[in-house]
Amino acid sequence: MTVELSEGTLRRLEILFEEPQRAQAAQLLVDECGNNLPLCEHTTPASLERIRFAALKLSRGDLPGLEEAIALAKLDWRDLLMAADFGDTSAHAAWWPRITAG
């Protein structure tokens, strides 16, 4: 059974991705970055936020970037957390993507 996205994850996803990529990014997070990760078998949407926020942060709103971040999480999500500067267990909660003028 997959773990759905938390409200916080959805809000950050909306900032980073425009449709139709947003739906694809959301599906990637649900299918590939959830309780299928090592040591994450009994997680909830809230407990996955740190990992999912890290993947979103490293993606910079780019689907291939998100896929690359998720691939790193599958190898060792602790490396993903460190790459996103989320080594501190509460650092992810303060992170919000910046909206850039395009």
PDB file of N, CA and C in Angstrom:
ATOM      1  N   MET A   1       0.838  -1.183   0.000  1.00  0.00           N
ATOM      2  CA  MET A   1       0.000   0.000   0.000  1.00  0.00           C
ATOM      3  C   MET A   1       0.889   1.255   0.000  1.00  0.00           C
ATOM      4  N   THR A   2       0.558   2.184  -0.851  1.00  0.00           N
ATOM      5  CA  THR A   2       1.353   3.400  -0.976  1.00  0.00           C
ATOM      6  C   THR A   2       0.987   4.414   0.102  1.00  0.00           C
ATOM      7  N   VAL A   3       1.893   5.321   0.341  1.00  0.00           N
ATOM      8  CA  VAL A   3       1.681   6.389   1.316  1.00  0.00           C
ATOM      9  C   VAL A   3       1.421   7.679   0.536  1.00  0.00           C
ATOM     10  N   GLU A   4       0.264   8.271   0.767  1.00  0.00           N
ATOM     11  CA  GLU A   4      -0.115   9.496   0.061  1.00  0.00           C
ATOM     12  C   GLU A   4       0.772  10.666   0.484  1.00  0.00           C
ATOM     13  N   LEU A   5       0.637  11.771  -0.208  1.00  0.00           N
ATOM     14  CA  LEU A   5       1.425  12.961   0.091  1.00  0.00           C
ATOM     15  C   LEU A   5       0.768  13.771   1.200  1.00  0.00           C
ATOM     16  N   SER A   6       1.583  14.326   2.064  1.00  0.00           N
ATOM     17  CA  SER A   6       1.086  15.194   3.129  1.00  0.00           C
ATOM     18  C   SER A   6       0.673  16.535   2.536  1.00  0.00           C
ATOM     19  N   GLU A   7      -0.056  17.319   3.295  1.00  0.00           N
ATOM     20  CA  GLU A   7      -0.446  18.656   2.858  1.00  0.00           C
ATOM     21  C   GLU A   7       0.785  19.520   2.597  1.00  0.00           C
ATOM     22  N   GLY A   8       1.783  19.418   3.458  1.00  0.00           N
ATOM     23  CA  GLY A   8       3.017  20.183   3.283  1.00  0.00           C
ATOM     24  C   GLY A   8       3.743  19.802   2.006  1.00  0.00           C
ATOM     25  N   THR A   9       3.776  18.522   1.694  1.00  0.00           N
ATOM     26  CA  THR A   9       4.413  18.068   0.459  1.00  0.00           C
ATOM     27  C   THR A   9       3.648  18.592  -0.751  1.00  0.00           C
ATOM     28  N   LEU A  10       2.332  18.519  -0.698  1.00  0.00           N
ATOM     29  CA  LEU A  10       1.514  19.021  -1.807  1.00  0.00           C
ATOM     30  C   LEU A  10       1.719  20.512  -2.033  1.00  0.00           C
ATOM     31  N   ARG A  11       1.801  21.280  -0.965  1.00  0.00           N
ATOM     32  CA  ARG A  11       1.991  22.725  -1.093  1.00  0.00           C
ATOM     33  C   ARG A  11       3.331  23.056  -1.745  1.00  0.00           C
ATOM     34  N   ARG A  12       4.375  22.349  -1.360  1.00  0.00           N
ATOM     35  CA  ARG A  12       5.693  22.594  -1.948  1.00  0.00           C
ATOM     36  C   ARG A  12       5.733  22.124  -3.405  1.00  0.00           C
ATOM     37  N   LEU A  13       5.070  21.039  -3.680  1.00  0.00           N
ATOM     38  CA  LEU A  13       4.963  20.524  -5.042  1.00  0.00           C
ATOM     39  C   LEU A  13       4.277  21.539  -5.957  1.00  0.00           C
ATOM     40  N   GLU A  14       3.233  22.185  -5.457  1.00  0.00           N
ATOM     41  CA  GLU A  14       2.510  23.196  -6.236  1.00  0.00           C
ATOM     42  C   GLU A  14       3.386  24.400  -6.561  1.00  0.00           C
ATOM     43  N   ILE A  15       4.290  24.744  -5.673  1.00  0.00           N
ATOM     44  CA  ILE A  15       5.189  25.876  -5.912  1.00  0.00           C
ATOM     45  C   ILE A  15       6.239  25.512  -6.970  1.00  0.00           C
ATOM     46  N   LEU A  16       6.762  24.293  -6.879  1.00  0.00           N
ATOM     47  CA  LEU A  16       7.873  23.894  -7.746  1.00  0.00           C
ATOM     48  C   LEU A  16       7.471  23.477  -9.153  1.00  0.00           C
ATOM     49  N   PHE A  17       6.344  22.810  -9.281  1.00  0.00           N
ATOM     50  CA  PHE A  17       5.970  22.202 -10.560  1.00  0.00           C
ATOM     51  C   PHE A  17       4.668  22.786 -11.095  1.00  0.00           C
ATOM     52  N   GLU A  18       4.650  23.030 -12.385  1.00  0.00           N
ATOM     53  CA  GLU A  18       3.429  23.433 -13.065  1.00  0.00           C
ATOM     54  C   GLU A  18       2.803  22.203 -13.699  1.00  0.00           C
ATOM     55  N   GLU A  19       1.498  22.262 -13.963  1.00  0.00           N
ATOM     56  CA  GLU A  19       0.850  21.156 -14.670  1.00  0.00           C
ATOM     57  C   GLU A  19       1.378  21.113 -16.094  1.00  0.00           C
ATOM     58  N   PRO A  20       1.497  19.971 -16.733  1.00  0.00           N
ATOM     59  CA  PRO A  20       1.135  18.633 -16.261  1.00  0.00           C
ATOM     60  C   PRO A  20       2.239  17.942 -15.469  1.00  0.00           C
ATOM     61  N   GLN A  21       3.410  18.584 -15.351  1.00  0.00           N
ATOM     62  CA  GLN A  21       4.509  17.965 -14.617  1.00  0.00           C
ATOM     63  C   GLN A  21       4.183  17.755 -13.144  1.00  0.00           C
ATOM     64  N   ARG A  22       3.309  18.598 -12.583  1.00  0.00           N
ATOM     65  CA  ARG A  22       2.969  18.471 -11.166  1.00  0.00           C
ATOM     66  C   ARG A  22       2.355  17.106 -10.870  1.00  0.00           C
ATOM     67  N   ALA A  23       1.447  16.679 -11.715  1.00  0.00           N
ATOM     68  CA  ALA A  23       0.791  15.378 -11.510  1.00  0.00           C
ATOM     69  C   ALA A  23       1.811  14.249 -11.634  1.00  0.00           C
ATOM     70  N   GLN A  24       2.723  14.365 -12.591  1.00  0.00           N
ATOM     71  CA  GLN A  24       3.766  13.352 -12.757  1.00  0.00           C
ATOM     72  C   GLN A  24       4.695  13.326 -11.548  1.00  0.00           C
ATOM     73  N   ALA A  25       5.059  14.499 -11.069  1.00  0.00           N
ATOM     74  CA  ALA A  25       5.944  14.580  -9.906  1.00  0.00           C
ATOM     75  C   ALA A  25       5.271  13.986  -8.675  1.00  0.00           C
ATOM     76  N   ALA A  26       4.006  14.303  -8.489  1.00  0.00           N
ATOM     77  CA  ALA A  26       3.259  13.750  -7.348  1.00  0.00           C
ATOM     78  C   ALA A  26       3.214  12.230  -7.421  1.00  0.00           C
ATOM     79  N   GLN A  27       2.957  11.702  -8.601  1.00  0.00           N
ATOM     80  CA  GLN A  27       2.885  10.250  -8.760  1.00  0.00           C
ATOM     81  C   GLN A  27       4.233   9.602  -8.505  1.00  0.00           C
ATOM     82  N   LEU A  28       5.304  10.238  -8.942  1.00  0.00           N
ATOM     83  CA  LEU A  28       6.651   9.721  -8.662  1.00  0.00           C
ATOM     84  C   LEU A  28       6.903   9.637  -7.162  1.00  0.00           C
ATOM     85  N   LEU A  29       6.539  10.684  -6.443  1.00  0.00           N
ATOM     86  CA  LEU A  29       6.747  10.689  -4.997  1.00  0.00           C
ATOM     87  C   LEU A  29       5.941   9.590  -4.314  1.00  0.00           C
ATOM     88  N   VAL A  30       4.701   9.407  -4.733  1.00  0.00           N
ATOM     89  CA  VAL A  30       3.855   8.375  -4.123  1.00  0.00           C
ATOM     90  C   VAL A  30       4.384   6.983  -4.451  1.00  0.00           C
ATOM     91  N   ASP A  31       4.691   6.755  -5.736  1.00  0.00           N
ATOM     92  CA  ASP A  31       5.068   5.410  -6.186  1.00  0.00           C
ATOM     93  C   ASP A  31       6.504   5.028  -5.866  1.00  0.00           C
ATOM     94  N   GLU A  32       7.417   5.998  -5.908  1.00  0.00           N
ATOM     95  CA  GLU A  32       8.841   5.678  -5.839  1.00  0.00           C
ATOM     96  C   GLU A  32       9.557   6.210  -4.603  1.00  0.00           C
ATOM     97  N   CYS A  33       8.908   7.070  -3.832  1.00  0.00           N
ATOM     98  CA  CYS A  33       9.576   7.712  -2.700  1.00  0.00           C
ATOM     99  C   CYS A  33       8.653   7.639  -1.475  1.00  0.00           C
ATOM    100  N   GLY A  34       8.388   6.427  -1.063  1.00  0.00           N
ATOM    101  CA  GLY A  34       7.459   6.210   0.045  1.00  0.00           C
ATOM    102  C   GLY A  34       7.893   5.045   0.903  1.00  0.00           C
ATOM    103  N   ASN A  35       6.925   4.218   1.256  1.00  0.00           N
ATOM    104  CA  ASN A  35       7.231   3.104   2.143  1.00  0.00           C
ATOM    105  C   ASN A  35       7.996   1.981   1.442  1.00  0.00           C
ATOM    106  N   ASN A  36       8.345   2.191   0.176  1.00  0.00           N
ATOM    107  CA  ASN A  36       9.190   1.242  -0.543  1.00  0.00           C
ATOM    108  C   ASN A  36      10.683   1.543  -0.361  1.00  0.00           C
ATOM    109  N   LEU A  37      10.997   2.663   0.278  1.00  0.00           N
ATOM    110  CA  LEU A  37      12.394   2.996   0.550  1.00  0.00           C
ATOM    111  C   LEU A  37      12.924   2.146   1.700  1.00  0.00           C
ATOM    112  N   PRO A  38      14.235   1.907   1.736  1.00  0.00           N
ATOM    113  CA  PRO A  38      14.804   1.124   2.834  1.00  0.00           C
ATOM    114  C   PRO A  38      14.483   1.742   4.204  1.00  0.00           C
ATOM    115  N   LEU A  39      14.068   0.907   5.123  1.00  0.00           N
ATOM    116  CA  LEU A  39      13.742   1.279   6.502  1.00  0.00           C
ATOM    117  C   LEU A  39      12.544   2.223   6.624  1.00  0.00           C
ATOM    118  N   CYS A  40      11.703   2.278   5.608  1.00  0.00           N
ATOM    119  CA  CYS A  40      10.533   3.171   5.616  1.00  0.00           C
ATOM    120  C   CYS A  40       9.224   2.398   5.478  1.00  0.00           C
ATOM    121  N   GLU A  41       9.226   1.149   5.857  1.00  0.00           N
ATOM    122  CA  GLU A  41       8.061   0.296   5.664  1.00  0.00           C
ATOM    123  C   GLU A  41       6.827   0.755   6.435  1.00  0.00           C
ATOM    124  N   HIS A  42       7.014   1.390   7.579  1.00  0.00           N
ATOM    125  CA  HIS A  42       5.888   1.767   8.445  1.00  0.00           C
ATOM    126  C   HIS A  42       5.778   3.279   8.579  1.00  0.00           C
ATOM    127  N   THR A  43       5.833   3.967   7.456  1.00  0.00           N
ATOM    128  CA  THR A  43       5.816   5.421   7.478  1.00  0.00           C
ATOM    129  C   THR A  43       4.426   5.975   7.205  1.00  0.00           C
ATOM    130  N   THR A  44       4.287   7.252   7.485  1.00  0.00           N
ATOM    131  CA  THR A  44       3.045   7.992   7.242  1.00  0.00           C
ATOM    132  C   THR A  44       3.367   9.156   6.311  1.00  0.00           C
ATOM    133  N   PRO A  45       2.349   9.830   5.782  1.00  0.00           N
ATOM    134  CA  PRO A  45       2.642  11.008   4.964  1.00  0.00           C
ATOM    135  C   PRO A  45       3.515  12.029   5.705  1.00  0.00           C
ATOM    136  N   ALA A  46       3.227  12.254   6.978  1.00  0.00           N
ATOM    137  CA  ALA A  46       4.006  13.231   7.755  1.00  0.00           C
ATOM    138  C   ALA A  46       5.434  12.753   8.004  1.00  0.00           C
ATOM    139  N   SER A  47       5.616  11.480   8.289  1.00  0.00           N
ATOM    140  CA  SER A  47       6.964  10.994   8.587  1.00  0.00           C
ATOM    141  C   SER A  47       7.846  10.902   7.341  1.00  0.00           C
ATOM    142  N   LEU A  48       7.246  10.929   6.161  1.00  0.00           N
ATOM    143  CA  LEU A  48       8.018  10.917   4.920  1.00  0.00           C
ATOM    144  C   LEU A  48       8.363  12.320   4.429  1.00  0.00           C
ATOM    145  N   GLU A  49       7.850  13.351   5.095  1.00  0.00           N
ATOM    146  CA  GLU A  49       8.076  14.711   4.614  1.00  0.00           C
ATOM    147  C   GLU A  49       9.552  15.049   4.460  1.00  0.00           C
ATOM    148  N   ARG A  50      10.355  14.676   5.412  1.00  0.00           N
ATOM    149  CA  ARG A  50      11.778  15.042   5.363  1.00  0.00           C
ATOM    150  C   ARG A  50      12.430  14.497   4.097  1.00  0.00           C
ATOM    151  N   ILE A  51      12.160  13.253   3.767  1.00  0.00           N
ATOM    152  CA  ILE A  51      12.738  12.629   2.578  1.00  0.00           C
ATOM    153  C   ILE A  51      12.130  13.238   1.315  1.00  0.00           C
ATOM    154  N   ARG A  52      10.825  13.373   1.288  1.00  0.00           N
ATOM    155  CA  ARG A  52      10.158  13.912   0.097  1.00  0.00           C
ATOM    156  C   ARG A  52      10.501  15.382  -0.121  1.00  0.00           C
ATOM    157  N   PHE A  53      10.598  16.170   0.931  1.00  0.00           N
ATOM    158  CA  PHE A  53      11.013  17.566   0.789  1.00  0.00           C
ATOM    159  C   PHE A  53      12.430  17.628   0.216  1.00  0.00           C
ATOM    160  N   ALA A  54      13.303  16.733   0.677  1.00  0.00           N
ATOM    161  CA  ALA A  54      14.682  16.713   0.182  1.00  0.00           C
ATOM    162  C   ALA A  54      14.694  16.415  -1.318  1.00  0.00           C
ATOM    163  N   ALA A  55      13.891  15.457  -1.739  1.00  0.00           N
ATOM    164  CA  ALA A  55      13.816  15.131  -3.168  1.00  0.00           C
ATOM    165  C   ALA A  55      13.295  16.321  -3.956  1.00  0.00           C
ATOM    166  N   LEU A  56      12.287  16.986  -3.431  1.00  0.00           N
ATOM    167  CA  LEU A  56      11.739  18.161  -4.106  1.00  0.00           C
ATOM    168  C   LEU A  56      12.772  19.288  -4.163  1.00  0.00           C
ATOM    169  N   LYS A  57      13.464  19.509  -3.060  1.00  0.00           N
ATOM    170  CA  LYS A  57      14.464  20.579  -3.024  1.00  0.00           C
ATOM    171  C   LYS A  57      15.547  20.351  -4.074  1.00  0.00           C
ATOM    172  N   LEU A  58      16.057  19.136  -4.142  1.00  0.00           N
ATOM    173  CA  LEU A  58      17.122  18.843  -5.096  1.00  0.00           C
ATOM    174  C   LEU A  58      16.632  18.832  -6.537  1.00  0.00           C
ATOM    175  N   SER A  59      15.337  18.613  -6.742  1.00  0.00           N
ATOM    176  CA  SER A  59      14.785  18.588  -8.101  1.00  0.00           C
ATOM    177  C   SER A  59      14.786  19.956  -8.756  1.00  0.00           C
ATOM    178  N   ARG A  60      14.640  21.001  -7.941  1.00  0.00           N
ATOM    179  CA  ARG A  60      14.537  22.377  -8.435  1.00  0.00           C
ATOM    180  C   ARG A  60      13.404  22.538  -9.450  1.00  0.00           C
ATOM    181  N   GLY A  61      12.347  21.741  -9.288  1.00  0.00           N
ATOM    182  CA  GLY A  61      11.197  21.854 -10.170  1.00  0.00           C
ATOM    183  C   GLY A  61      11.365  21.187 -11.515  1.00  0.00           C
ATOM    184  N   ASP A  62      12.295  20.262 -11.605  1.00  0.00           N
ATOM    185  CA  ASP A  62      12.625  19.582 -12.849  1.00  0.00           C
ATOM    186  C   ASP A  62      12.359  18.082 -12.681  1.00  0.00           C
ATOM    187  N   LEU A  63      11.538  17.489 -13.563  1.00  0.00           N
ATOM    188  CA  LEU A  63      11.219  16.062 -13.425  1.00  0.00           C
ATOM    189  C   LEU A  63      12.452  15.159 -13.466  1.00  0.00           C
ATOM    190  N   PRO A  64      13.369  15.341 -14.425  1.00  0.00           N
ATOM    191  CA  PRO A  64      14.572  14.500 -14.377  1.00  0.00           C
ATOM    192  C   PRO A  64      15.372  14.696 -13.076  1.00  0.00           C
ATOM    193  N   GLY A  65      15.373  15.913 -12.562  1.00  0.00           N
ATOM    194  CA  GLY A  65      16.035  16.157 -11.286  1.00  0.00           C
ATOM    195  C   GLY A  65      15.353  15.425 -10.143  1.00  0.00           C
ATOM    196  N   LEU A  66      14.023  15.367 -10.177  1.00  0.00           N
ATOM    197  CA  LEU A  66      13.279  14.632  -9.157  1.00  0.00           C
ATOM    198  C   LEU A  66      13.564  13.137  -9.263  1.00  0.00           C
ATOM    199  N   GLU A  67      13.597  12.635 -10.483  1.00  0.00           N
ATOM    200  CA  GLU A  67      13.911  11.215 -10.682  1.00  0.00           C
ATOM    201  C   GLU A  67      15.297  10.883 -10.148  1.00  0.00           C
ATOM    202  N   GLU A  68      16.252  11.779 -10.382  1.00  0.00           N
ATOM    203  CA  GLU A  68      17.620  11.579  -9.886  1.00  0.00           C
ATOM    204  C   GLU A  68      17.662  11.601  -8.358  1.00  0.00           C
ATOM    205  N   ALA A  69      16.935  12.521  -7.753  1.00  0.00           N
ATOM    206  CA  ALA A  69      16.894  12.606  -6.287  1.00  0.00           C
ATOM    207  C   ALA A  69      16.249  11.356  -5.692  1.00  0.00           C
ATOM    208  N   ILE A  70      15.193  10.875  -6.323  1.00  0.00           N
ATOM    209  CA  ILE A  70      14.519   9.663  -5.835  1.00  0.00           C
ATOM    210  C   ILE A  70      15.436   8.452  -5.990  1.00  0.00           C
ATOM    211  N   ALA A  71      16.195   8.409  -7.079  1.00  0.00           N
ATOM    212  CA  ALA A  71      17.152   7.312  -7.265  1.00  0.00           C
ATOM    213  C   ALA A  71      18.173   7.299  -6.133  1.00  0.00           C
ATOM    214  N   LEU A  72      18.622   8.482  -5.711  1.00  0.00           N
ATOM    215  CA  LEU A  72      19.550   8.575  -4.582  1.00  0.00           C
ATOM    216  C   LEU A  72      18.872   8.086  -3.303  1.00  0.00           C
ATOM    217  N   ALA A  73      17.610   8.458  -3.112  1.00  0.00           N
ATOM    218  CA  ALA A  73      16.873   8.004  -1.923  1.00  0.00           C
ATOM    219  C   ALA A  73      16.759   6.487  -1.887  1.00  0.00           C
ATOM    220  N   LYS A  74      16.586   5.883  -3.037  1.00  0.00           N
ATOM    221  CA  LYS A  74      16.478   4.421  -3.093  1.00  0.00           C
ATOM    222  C   LYS A  74      17.786   3.743  -2.711  1.00  0.00           C
ATOM    223  N   LEU A  75      18.910   4.383  -3.042  1.00  0.00           N
ATOM    224  CA  LEU A  75      20.209   3.830  -2.644  1.00  0.00           C
ATOM    225  C   LEU A  75      20.430   4.014  -1.149  1.00  0.00           C
ATOM    226  N   ASP A  76      20.264   5.255  -0.685  1.00  0.00           N
ATOM    227  CA  ASP A  76      20.403   5.566   0.739  1.00  0.00           C
ATOM    228  C   ASP A  76      19.814   6.953   0.977  1.00  0.00           C
ATOM    229  N   TRP A  77      18.611   6.997   1.529  1.00  0.00           N
ATOM    230  CA  TRP A  77      17.927   8.275   1.690  1.00  0.00           C
ATOM    231  C   TRP A  77      18.656   9.206   2.647  1.00  0.00           C
ATOM    232  N   ARG A  78      19.557   8.667   3.455  1.00  0.00           N
ATOM    233  CA  ARG A  78      20.344   9.544   4.328  1.00  0.00           C
ATOM    234  C   ARG A  78      21.283  10.418   3.503  1.00  0.00           C
ATOM    235  N   ASP A  79      21.790   9.883   2.397  1.00  0.00           N
ATOM    236  CA  ASP A  79      22.615  10.690   1.494  1.00  0.00           C
ATOM    237  C   ASP A  79      21.780  11.801   0.858  1.00  0.00           C
ATOM    238  N   LEU A  80      20.541  11.504   0.524  1.00  0.00           N
ATOM    239  CA  LEU A  80      19.630  12.517  -0.019  1.00  0.00           C
ATOM    240  C   LEU A  80      19.410  13.633   0.997  1.00  0.00           C
ATOM    241  N   LEU A  81      19.191  13.264   2.249  1.00  0.00           N
ATOM    242  CA  LEU A  81      18.981  14.271   3.297  1.00  0.00           C
ATOM    243  C   LEU A  81      20.199  15.174   3.452  1.00  0.00           C
ATOM    244  N   MET A  82      21.368  14.601   3.416  1.00  0.00           N
ATOM    245  CA  MET A  82      22.589  15.395   3.562  1.00  0.00           C
ATOM    246  C   MET A  82      22.789  16.305   2.344  1.00  0.00           C
ATOM    247  N   ALA A  83      22.503  15.806   1.159  1.00  0.00           N
ATOM    248  CA  ALA A  83      22.654  16.614  -0.058  1.00  0.00           C
ATOM    249  C   ALA A  83      21.717  17.814  -0.053  1.00  0.00           C
ATOM    250  N   ALA A  84      20.564  17.666   0.603  1.00  0.00           N
ATOM    251  CA  ALA A  84      19.582  18.753   0.680  1.00  0.00           C
ATOM    252  C   ALA A  84      19.795  19.637   1.909  1.00  0.00           C
ATOM    253  N   ASP A  85      20.833  19.379   2.673  1.00  0.00           N
ATOM    254  CA  ASP A  85      21.100  20.097   3.927  1.00  0.00           C
ATOM    255  C   ASP A  85      19.999  19.885   4.957  1.00  0.00           C
ATOM    256  N   PHE A  86      19.445  18.684   4.975  1.00  0.00           N
ATOM    257  CA  PHE A  86      18.415  18.316   5.945  1.00  0.00           C
ATOM    258  C   PHE A  86      18.949  17.308   6.959  1.00  0.00           C
ATOM    259  N   GLY A  87      20.240  17.415   7.284  1.00  0.00           N
ATOM    260  CA  GLY A  87      20.824  16.523   8.274  1.00  0.00           C
ATOM    261  C   GLY A  87      20.188  16.705   9.645  1.00  0.00           C
ATOM    262  N   ASP A  88      19.883  17.945   9.993  1.00  0.00           N
ATOM    263  CA  ASP A  88      19.151  18.236  11.226  1.00  0.00           C
ATOM    264  C   ASP A  88      17.716  17.753  11.034  1.00  0.00           C
ATOM    265  N   THR A  89      17.183  17.060  12.010  1.00  0.00           N
ATOM    266  CA  THR A  89      15.877  16.427  11.845  1.00  0.00           C
ATOM    267  C   THR A  89      14.714  17.389  11.676  1.00  0.00           C
ATOM    268  N   SER A  90      14.915  18.682  11.950  1.00  0.00           N
ATOM    269  CA  SER A  90      13.817  19.636  11.780  1.00  0.00           C
ATOM    270  C   SER A  90      14.080  20.654  10.670  1.00  0.00           C
ATOM    271  N   ALA A  91      15.222  20.560   9.999  1.00  0.00           N
ATOM    272  CA  ALA A  91      15.590  21.555   8.977  1.00  0.00           C
ATOM    273  C   ALA A  91      14.592  21.595   7.827  1.00  0.00           C
ATOM    274  N   HIS A  92      14.032  20.456   7.486  1.00  0.00           N
ATOM    275  CA  HIS A  92      13.112  20.402   6.341  1.00  0.00           C
ATOM    276  C   HIS A  92      11.844  21.221   6.557  1.00  0.00           C
ATOM    277  N   ALA A  93      11.402  21.330   7.792  1.00  0.00           N
ATOM    278  CA  ALA A  93      10.136  22.008   8.085  1.00  0.00           C
ATOM    279  C   ALA A  93      10.173  23.491   7.718  1.00  0.00           C
ATOM    280  N   ALA A  94      11.341  24.097   7.756  1.00  0.00           N
ATOM    281  CA  ALA A  94      11.471  25.523   7.453  1.00  0.00           C
ATOM    282  C   ALA A  94      11.723  25.783   5.965  1.00  0.00           C
ATOM    283  N   TRP A  95      11.934  24.734   5.182  1.00  0.00           N
ATOM    284  CA  TRP A  95      12.254  24.913   3.777  1.00  0.00           C
ATOM    285  C   TRP A  95      11.005  25.150   2.931  1.00  0.00           C
ATOM    286  N   TRP A  96      11.076  26.214   2.146  1.00  0.00           N
ATOM    287  CA  TRP A  96      10.041  26.511   1.151  1.00  0.00           C
ATOM    288  C   TRP A  96      10.734  26.841  -0.162  1.00  0.00           C
ATOM    289  N   PRO A  97      10.258  26.282  -1.266  1.00  0.00           N
ATOM    290  CA  PRO A  97      10.852  26.625  -2.559  1.00  0.00           C
ATOM    291  C   PRO A  97      10.657  28.099  -2.872  1.00  0.00           C
ATOM    292  N   ARG A  98      11.623  28.663  -3.557  1.00  0.00           N
ATOM    293  CA  ARG A  98      11.507  30.052  -3.993  1.00  0.00           C
ATOM    294  C   ARG A  98      10.783  30.087  -5.327  1.00  0.00           C
ATOM    295  N   ILE A  99       9.904  31.043  -5.466  1.00  0.00           N
ATOM    296  CA  ILE A  99       9.232  31.232  -6.729  1.00  0.00           C
ATOM    297  C   ILE A  99      10.093  32.180  -7.547  1.00  0.00           C
ATOM    298  N   THR A 100      10.496  31.716  -8.717  1.00  0.00           N
ATOM    299  CA  THR A 100      11.342  32.542  -9.569  1.00  0.00           C
ATOM    300  C   THR A 100      10.542  33.050 -10.750  1.00  0.00           C
ATOM    301  N   ALA A 101      10.810  34.268 -11.143  1.00  0.00           N
ATOM    302  CA  ALA A 101      10.131  34.840 -12.303  1.00  0.00           C
ATOM    303  C   ALA A 101      10.674  34.171 -13.547  1.00  0.00           C
ATOM    304  N   GLY A 102       9.784  33.717 -14.390  1.00  0.00           N
ATOM    305  CA  GLY A 102      10.231  33.004 -15.577  1.00  0.00           C
ATOM    306  C   GLY A 102       9.909  33.756 -16.755  1.00  0.00           C
TER     307      GLY A 102
END
